[in-house]
Amino acid sequence: MSKKLEVCNCCTFHPFGETAEAIHSSLVCMFVLCIFSGGEKVRPFWKHYYKGAQALVFVIDSACQEESFEITKTELENVMCNSQLRNVPILILASCQDKASARNDQQVQALCFTLNTFAPT
């Protein structure tokens, strides 16, 4: 049996020009969702939002150029090695799968398995 999540009482603010929402539900569930871009000037601020995180969703552009993919890999390594995220589950989503240039499942999985060897410091 599934219950429909009712979202209400949303409060939106914009740290560093990005989006964060406090979401409350009638199911006694509350979470703060912070959405940050991967821009070079924004990435150094990510770490300020790790404390108290209970989950992390990292979205990669599976159709990006090789150079951008390497930057993504490096940034994901940095995230996974951060001690504040030691026991935090990380979901990696591969966007742009509908594009002809998108990396296939095996290529995305290879990235994830490579990163699986990293341990927080």
C-alpha atoms as a PDB file:
ATOM      1  CA  MET A   1       0.000   0.000   0.000  1.00  0.00           C
ATOM      2  CA  SER A   2       1.490   3.340  -0.960  1.00  0.00           C
ATOM      3  CA  LYS A   3       0.734   6.665   0.656  1.00  0.00           C
ATOM      4  CA  LYS A   4       0.733   9.880  -1.285  1.00  0.00           C
ATOM      5  CA  LEU A   5       3.290  12.376   0.020  1.00  0.00           C
ATOM      6  CA  GLU A   6       1.619  15.659   0.721  1.00  0.00           C
ATOM      7  CA  VAL A   7       4.047  18.532   0.448  1.00  0.00           C
ATOM      8  CA  CYS A   8       3.148  21.748   2.188  1.00  0.00           C
ATOM      9  CA  ASN A   9       4.673  24.620   4.121  1.00  0.00           C
ATOM     10  CA  CYS A  10       7.602  24.961   1.722  1.00  0.00           C
ATOM     11  CA  CYS A  11      10.102  27.690   2.422  1.00  0.00           C
ATOM     12  CA  THR A  12      12.541  28.506  -0.357  1.00  0.00           C
ATOM     13  CA  PHE A  13      15.746  30.486   0.012  1.00  0.00           C
ATOM     14  CA  HIS A  14      18.763  30.938  -2.220  1.00  0.00           C
ATOM     15  CA  PRO A  15      22.237  30.493  -0.713  1.00  0.00           C
ATOM     16  CA  PHE A  16      24.916  31.222  -3.297  1.00  0.00           C
ATOM     17  CA  GLY A  17      22.188  31.609  -5.913  1.00  0.00           C
ATOM     18  CA  GLU A  18      21.083  28.009  -5.509  1.00  0.00           C
ATOM     19  CA  THR A  19      17.901  26.448  -4.167  1.00  0.00           C
ATOM     20  CA  ALA A  20      17.084  25.010  -0.761  1.00  0.00           C
ATOM     21  CA  GLU A  21      13.640  24.007   0.416  1.00  0.00           C
ATOM     22  CA  ALA A  22      12.343  22.954   3.805  1.00  0.00           C
ATOM     23  CA  ILE A  23       9.622  20.423   3.081  1.00  0.00           C
ATOM     24  CA  HIS A  24       7.074  19.282   5.645  1.00  0.00           C
ATOM     25  CA  SER A  25       4.608  16.485   5.129  1.00  0.00           C
ATOM     26  CA  SER A  26       1.492  15.281   6.891  1.00  0.00           C
ATOM     27  CA  LEU A  27       3.340  11.970   7.343  1.00  0.00           C
ATOM     28  CA  VAL A  28       5.582  13.588   9.991  1.00  0.00           C
ATOM     29  CA  CYS A  29       8.497  13.720   7.617  1.00  0.00           C
ATOM     30  CA  MET A  30      10.593  16.861   7.248  1.00  0.00           C
ATOM     31  CA  PHE A  31      13.684  17.393   5.208  1.00  0.00           C
ATOM     32  CA  VAL A  32      15.742  20.182   3.772  1.00  0.00           C
ATOM     33  CA  LEU A  33      16.621  19.780   0.140  1.00  0.00           C
ATOM     34  CA  CYS A  34      19.636  21.752  -1.080  1.00  0.00           C
ATOM     35  CA  ILE A  35      20.256  21.888  -4.798  1.00  0.00           C
ATOM     36  CA  PHE A  36      23.670  23.082  -5.919  1.00  0.00           C
ATOM     37  CA  SER A  37      25.140  23.402  -9.351  1.00  0.00           C
ATOM     38  CA  GLY A  38      28.500  21.894 -10.182  1.00  0.00           C
ATOM     39  CA  GLY A  39      29.957  25.214 -11.233  1.00  0.00           C
ATOM     40  CA  GLU A  40      33.610  25.786 -10.409  1.00  0.00           C
ATOM     41  CA  LYS A  41      32.830  28.757  -8.146  1.00  0.00           C
ATOM     42  CA  VAL A  42      30.080  26.926  -6.233  1.00  0.00           C
ATOM     43  CA  ARG A  43      31.815  23.580  -5.551  1.00  0.00           C
ATOM     44  CA  PRO A  44      34.011  24.911  -2.681  1.00  0.00           C
ATOM     45  CA  PHE A  45      30.822  25.750  -0.748  1.00  0.00           C
ATOM     46  CA  TRP A  46      29.338  22.253  -0.927  1.00  0.00           C
ATOM     47  CA  LYS A  47      31.220  21.120   2.197  1.00  0.00           C
ATOM     48  CA  HIS A  48      29.423  23.696   4.321  1.00  0.00           C
ATOM     49  CA  TYR A  49      26.192  21.738   3.861  1.00  0.00           C
ATOM     50  CA  TYR A  50      27.503  18.238   4.689  1.00  0.00           C
ATOM     51  CA  LYS A  51      27.121  18.424   8.474  1.00  0.00           C
ATOM     52  CA  GLY A  52      23.988  16.623   9.553  1.00  0.00           C
ATOM     53  CA  ALA A  53      23.238  15.289   6.068  1.00  0.00           C
ATOM     54  CA  GLN A  54      21.291  12.045   6.111  1.00  0.00           C
ATOM     55  CA  ALA A  55      21.473  11.365   2.385  1.00  0.00           C
ATOM     56  CA  LEU A  56      23.119  12.773  -0.713  1.00  0.00           C
ATOM     57  CA  VAL A  57      21.998  12.637  -4.333  1.00  0.00           C
ATOM     58  CA  PHE A  58      24.832  13.310  -6.787  1.00  0.00           C
ATOM     59  CA  VAL A  59      23.666  13.873 -10.354  1.00  0.00           C
ATOM     60  CA  ILE A  60      26.122  13.403 -13.204  1.00  0.00           C
ATOM     61  CA  ASP A  61      25.650  14.437 -16.821  1.00  0.00           C
ATOM     62  CA  SER A  62      26.211  11.139 -18.588  1.00  0.00           C
ATOM     63  CA  ALA A  63      26.483  12.898 -21.959  1.00  0.00           C
ATOM     64  CA  CYS A  64      29.111  15.476 -20.997  1.00  0.00           C
ATOM     65  CA  GLN A  65      32.513  15.823 -22.634  1.00  0.00           C
ATOM     66  CA  GLU A  66      35.341  13.619 -21.309  1.00  0.00           C
ATOM     67  CA  GLU A  67      37.051  16.568 -19.597  1.00  0.00           C
ATOM     68  CA  SER A  68      33.853  17.436 -17.702  1.00  0.00           C
ATOM     69  CA  PHE A  69      33.361  13.786 -16.783  1.00  0.00           C
ATOM     70  CA  GLU A  70      36.853  13.702 -15.247  1.00  0.00           C
ATOM     71  CA  ILE A  71      36.026  16.830 -13.209  1.00  0.00           C
ATOM     72  CA  THR A  72      32.814  15.152 -12.078  1.00  0.00           C
ATOM     73  CA  LYS A  73      34.759  12.054 -11.047  1.00  0.00           C
ATOM     74  CA  THR A  74      37.234  14.171  -9.036  1.00  0.00           C
ATOM     75  CA  GLU A  75      34.445  16.089  -7.293  1.00  0.00           C
ATOM     76  CA  LEU A  76      32.573  12.901  -6.484  1.00  0.00           C
ATOM     77  CA  GLU A  77      35.787  11.464  -5.011  1.00  0.00           C
ATOM     78  CA  ASN A  78      36.093  14.589  -2.837  1.00  0.00           C
ATOM     79  CA  VAL A  79      32.510  14.189  -1.651  1.00  0.00           C
ATOM     80  CA  MET A  80      32.944  10.501  -0.867  1.00  0.00           C
ATOM     81  CA  CYS A  81      36.178  11.111   1.049  1.00  0.00           C
ATOM     82  CA  ASN A  82      34.717  13.785   3.312  1.00  0.00           C
ATOM     83  CA  SER A  83      34.549  12.532   6.902  1.00  0.00           C
ATOM     84  CA  GLN A  84      31.238  14.344   7.526  1.00  0.00           C
ATOM     85  CA  LEU A  85      29.632  12.014   4.986  1.00  0.00           C
ATOM     86  CA  ARG A  86      31.157   8.839   6.440  1.00  0.00           C
ATOM     87  CA  ASN A  87      27.873   6.958   7.002  1.00  0.00           C
ATOM     88  CA  VAL A  88      25.692   8.930   4.608  1.00  0.00           C
ATOM     89  CA  PRO A  89      24.179   6.987   1.711  1.00  0.00           C
ATOM     90  CA  ILE A  90      25.015   8.517  -1.658  1.00  0.00           C
ATOM     91  CA  LEU A  91      22.738   7.979  -4.641  1.00  0.00           C
ATOM     92  CA  ILE A  92      24.414   8.646  -7.987  1.00  0.00           C
ATOM     93  CA  LEU A  93      22.012   9.523 -10.791  1.00  0.00           C
ATOM     94  CA  ALA A  94      23.087   9.647 -14.423  1.00  0.00           C
ATOM     95  CA  SER A  95      21.097  12.310 -16.272  1.00  0.00           C
ATOM     96  CA  CYS A  96      20.836  12.899 -20.020  1.00  0.00           C
ATOM     97  CA  GLN A  97      20.438   9.202 -20.800  1.00  0.00           C
ATOM     98  CA  ASP A  98      18.192  10.140 -23.720  1.00  0.00           C
ATOM     99  CA  LYS A  99      21.091  11.768 -25.608  1.00  0.00           C
ATOM    100  CA  ALA A 100      23.020   9.817 -28.239  1.00  0.00           C
ATOM    101  CA  SER A 101      26.334  10.770 -26.590  1.00  0.00           C
ATOM    102  CA  ALA A 102      25.306   9.449 -23.169  1.00  0.00           C
ATOM    103  CA  ARG A 103      27.542   6.959 -21.440  1.00  0.00           C
ATOM    104  CA  ASN A 104      25.944   3.544 -21.156  1.00  0.00           C
ATOM    105  CA  ASP A 105      25.128   1.703 -17.930  1.00  0.00           C
ATOM    106  CA  GLN A 106      28.461  -0.110 -17.842  1.00  0.00           C
ATOM    107  CA  GLN A 107      30.439   3.142 -18.180  1.00  0.00           C
ATOM    108  CA  VAL A 108      28.509   4.815 -15.372  1.00  0.00           C
ATOM    109  CA  GLN A 109      28.789   1.706 -13.199  1.00  0.00           C
ATOM    110  CA  ALA A 110      32.548   1.604 -13.846  1.00  0.00           C
ATOM    111  CA  LEU A 111      32.786   5.124 -12.427  1.00  0.00           C
ATOM    112  CA  CYS A 112      30.850   4.071  -9.334  1.00  0.00           C
ATOM    113  CA  PHE A 113      32.915   0.901  -8.795  1.00  0.00           C
ATOM    114  CA  THR A 114      36.146   2.880  -9.144  1.00  0.00           C
ATOM    115  CA  LEU A 115      34.917   5.276  -6.470  1.00  0.00           C
ATOM    116  CA  ASN A 116      33.785   2.431  -4.225  1.00  0.00           C
ATOM    117  CA  THR A 117      37.391   2.028  -3.058  1.00  0.00           C
ATOM    118  CA  PHE A 118      37.485   5.459  -1.425  1.00  0.00           C
ATOM    119  CA  ALA A 119      37.118   5.739   2.318  1.00  0.00           C
ATOM    120  CA  PRO A 120      36.379   8.920   4.264  1.00  0.00           C
ATOM    121  CA  THR A 121      39.378  10.487   5.987  1.00  0.00           C
END
